[in-house]
Every structure is written in structure tokens, then in C-alpha cells.
Protein backbone atom coordinates (compact mmCIF):
# COMPACT_ATOMS: atom_id res chain seq x y z
CA MET A 1 0.00 0.00 0.00
CA LYS A 2 2.61 2.45 -1.07
CA GLY A 3 1.68 6.08 -0.47
CA ARG A 4 -1.46 5.15 1.48
CA LYS A 5 -1.96 4.61 5.15
CA GLY A 6 -2.96 1.14 6.20
CA LEU A 7 -5.97 0.46 8.39
CA LEU A 8 -3.84 0.02 11.52
CA GLU A 9 -2.10 3.35 11.01
CA ILE A 10 -5.43 5.09 10.47
CA LEU A 11 -6.85 3.54 13.65
CA ARG A 12 -3.75 4.58 15.60
CA ASP A 13 -4.05 8.14 14.25
CA LYS A 14 -7.68 8.20 15.41
CA GLY A 15 -6.57 7.26 18.93
CA TYR A 16 -7.70 3.63 19.02
CA ARG A 17 -5.70 1.03 20.94
CA LEU A 18 -4.07 -1.55 18.73
CA THR A 19 -4.50 -4.73 20.71
CA PRO A 20 -2.90 -7.89 19.30
CA GLN A 21 -6.36 -9.29 18.49
CA ARG A 22 -7.45 -6.11 16.69
CA MET A 23 -4.20 -6.05 14.73
CA ILE A 24 -4.62 -9.67 13.63
CA VAL A 25 -8.21 -9.05 12.46
CA VAL A 26 -7.15 -5.97 10.49
CA GLU A 27 -4.20 -7.83 8.95
CA ALA A 28 -6.56 -10.62 7.78
CA ILE A 29 -8.83 -8.07 6.09
CA GLU A 30 -5.94 -6.31 4.39
CA ALA A 31 -4.43 -9.64 3.26
CA SER A 32 -7.61 -10.66 1.48
CA ASP A 33 -7.75 -9.93 -2.24
CA ASP A 34 -11.52 -10.26 -2.24
CA HIS A 35 -14.46 -9.80 0.08
CA ILE A 36 -14.09 -11.76 3.27
CA SER A 37 -16.58 -13.06 5.83
CA ALA A 38 -16.25 -12.74 9.60
CA GLU A 39 -15.76 -16.52 9.79
CA GLU A 40 -12.92 -16.39 7.25
CA ILE A 41 -11.31 -13.55 9.19
CA ARG A 42 -11.54 -15.58 12.40
CA ASP A 43 -10.01 -18.62 10.70
CA MET A 44 -7.10 -16.56 9.34
CA ALA A 45 -6.61 -14.85 12.70
CA ARG A 46 -6.54 -18.16 14.57
CA ALA A 47 -3.40 -19.15 12.67
CA LYS A 48 -1.58 -16.43 14.65
CA TYR A 49 -3.78 -16.15 17.73
CA PRO A 50 -5.58 -19.47 18.41
CA TYR A 51 -7.83 -18.12 21.17
CA ILE A 52 -9.47 -15.30 19.22
CA ASN A 53 -13.27 -15.51 19.29
CA MET A 54 -16.07 -14.32 17.04
CA SER A 55 -17.13 -11.51 19.37
CA THR A 56 -13.67 -9.93 19.01
CA VAL A 57 -13.89 -10.24 15.24
CA TYR A 58 -17.38 -8.71 15.15
CA ARG A 59 -16.43 -5.84 17.50
CA THR A 60 -13.43 -5.00 15.33
CA LEU A 61 -15.52 -5.20 12.15
CA GLU A 62 -18.17 -2.95 13.71
CA LEU A 63 -15.52 -0.37 14.57
CA LEU A 64 -14.01 -0.49 11.08
CA VAL A 65 -17.44 -0.10 9.44
CA GLU A 66 -18.38 2.79 11.79
CA GLU A 67 -15.12 4.56 10.94
CA GLY A 68 -15.76 4.10 7.22
CA LEU A 69 -12.63 2.00 6.75
CA VAL A 70 -14.39 -1.22 5.71
CA THR A 71 -17.63 -1.79 3.82
CA GLU A 72 -20.17 -4.43 4.79
CA THR A 73 -22.09 -5.96 1.91
CA ASP A 74 -24.62 -8.76 1.65
CA LEU A 75 -24.01 -10.58 -1.61
CA GLY A 76 -26.53 -13.29 -0.80
CA GLY A 77 -26.12 -16.49 1.11
CA GLY A 78 -27.19 -14.91 4.41
CA ARG A 79 -23.84 -13.52 5.48
CA SER A 80 -22.10 -10.19 5.32
CA LEU A 81 -18.82 -9.78 3.52
CA TYR A 82 -16.23 -7.12 4.31
CA HIS A 83 -13.90 -5.15 2.08
CA PRO A 84 -11.49 -2.27 2.82
CA THR A 85 -12.80 1.02 1.40
CA MET A 86 -9.30 2.02 0.32
CA LYS A 87 -9.27 -0.71 -2.30
CA ALA A 88 -10.91 0.09 -5.64
CA GLN A 89 -14.57 1.00 -5.30
CA HIS A 90 -16.89 -1.27 -7.18
CA HIS A 91 -20.35 -2.74 -7.03
CA HIS A 92 -21.77 -6.17 -7.70
CA LEU A 93 -24.38 -7.80 -9.87
CA VAL A 94 -25.51 -10.99 -8.12
CA CYS A 95 -27.42 -13.68 -10.01
CA ARG A 96 -30.28 -15.14 -7.96
CA LYS A 97 -30.21 -18.38 -9.98
CA CYS A 98 -26.53 -19.35 -10.19
CA ALA A 99 -25.12 -17.02 -7.48
CA LYS A 100 -22.43 -15.72 -9.86
CA VAL A 101 -21.15 -12.28 -8.83
CA LYS A 102 -19.93 -9.77 -11.40
CA ASP A 103 -18.14 -6.56 -10.41
CA ILE A 104 -19.24 -3.29 -12.00
CA ASP A 105 -17.53 0.09 -11.86
CA ALA A 106 -18.64 2.63 -9.25
CA SER A 107 -19.15 5.28 -11.94
CA VAL A 108 -22.38 3.51 -12.97
CA PHE A 109 -24.07 5.00 -9.87
CA GLN A 110 -22.87 8.60 -10.18
CA ARG A 111 -25.93 9.71 -12.16
CA LEU A 112 -28.28 7.95 -9.73
CA LYS A 113 -26.54 9.56 -6.75
CA GLY A 114 -26.91 13.00 -8.36
CA GLU A 115 -30.58 12.45 -9.19
CA LEU A 116 -31.40 11.25 -5.68
CA LYS A 117 -29.74 14.36 -4.27
CA SER A 118 -31.40 16.83 -6.65
CA GLN A 119 -34.90 15.30 -6.74
CA TYR A 120 -35.23 14.10 -3.15
CA GLY A 121 -32.54 15.94 -1.18
CA PHE A 122 -31.19 12.50 -0.28
CA ASP A 123 -27.45 11.91 -0.05
CA ALA A 124 -27.24 8.21 -0.89
CA ASP A 125 -24.41 6.03 0.39
CA LEU A 126 -23.55 4.13 -2.77
CA GLU A 127 -20.05 3.09 -1.77
CA HIS A 128 -20.55 -0.65 -2.11
CA VAL A 129 -23.78 -2.04 -3.52
CA GLY A 130 -25.02 -5.50 -4.43
CA ILE A 131 -27.79 -5.64 -7.03
CA PHE A 132 -29.69 -8.90 -7.35
CA GLY A 133 -31.20 -10.18 -10.57
CA THR A 134 -30.55 -12.76 -13.28
CA CYS A 135 -27.32 -12.95 -15.27
CA GLU A 136 -27.22 -13.33 -19.04
CA ASP A 137 -26.39 -17.04 -18.77
CA CYS A 138 -29.49 -17.74 -16.66
CA HIS A 139 -32.12 -15.79 -18.62
CA ASP A 140 -35.11 -17.94 -19.55
């Protein structure tokens, strides 16, 4: 992450304590090239800290989401996935039939964001969105 602060440095700058457990959770998130579930984070963290529990993982994730450092997205399957906001912004098209996920560029939502603001006075949070439908391979 050349030229950018990592999540741990940002947390430290904001005055948060960097406990070993918190550091291990953050390192697991940053090490992931894709979205990651709380369970996957716990499993990665346990390789370094065998006694870490889910409540620690969830508390750390809650803090990171509140601080706007990590996005929480439901891409189906009944679980949230997490992704650092500093990585490229993108959105997802999720097929309800085959569960395939396709990334789409964030610029697709710029017009919608502007229209919501001008027509409704609503400042939409469109940082990380999953849109459900049917992919081209699964059309009837």
C-alpha cells in the first residue's frame, strides 16, 4: 500500500488502541484480495492467535465499518462480507439463480446519486452495492 496509510495506522491516528487481536483481524482483512466473511477472518486470525473468538472479530468489524474503513455488503447467502474502502470501489451484480457475482464500476451510480440528491434531497451512500437479478447465462 505504497503512499497510502494502512488500516492500523489510520486507527492509531484516530486514537484507538491496537491490541494484538485487533491487529490480527485488520491484517486478515488487508491480506484478502476479495471480500471476506467474519468466519474467514476468524479462521485466518486463529493461525496467529488461536484463542481469538467471534465476538472480538465482530467488535473490530463494527468499529471499522463505523469509521468508514471497511464496507459491509450482503451478496446473498445470508452472510455479510467485508472489504477495505481504500481498495478500488466497485459494485456487484448478483445472479439469484446461479449465485455468480460480477463486479461493476462505481461510476455507474454517479448519475443515480446526483438524481437522488437533486430530486429528493437524499445523499445516498452508494459506496458498495449488491444488485440482485438474473445474469445473461441464466435468462429464460
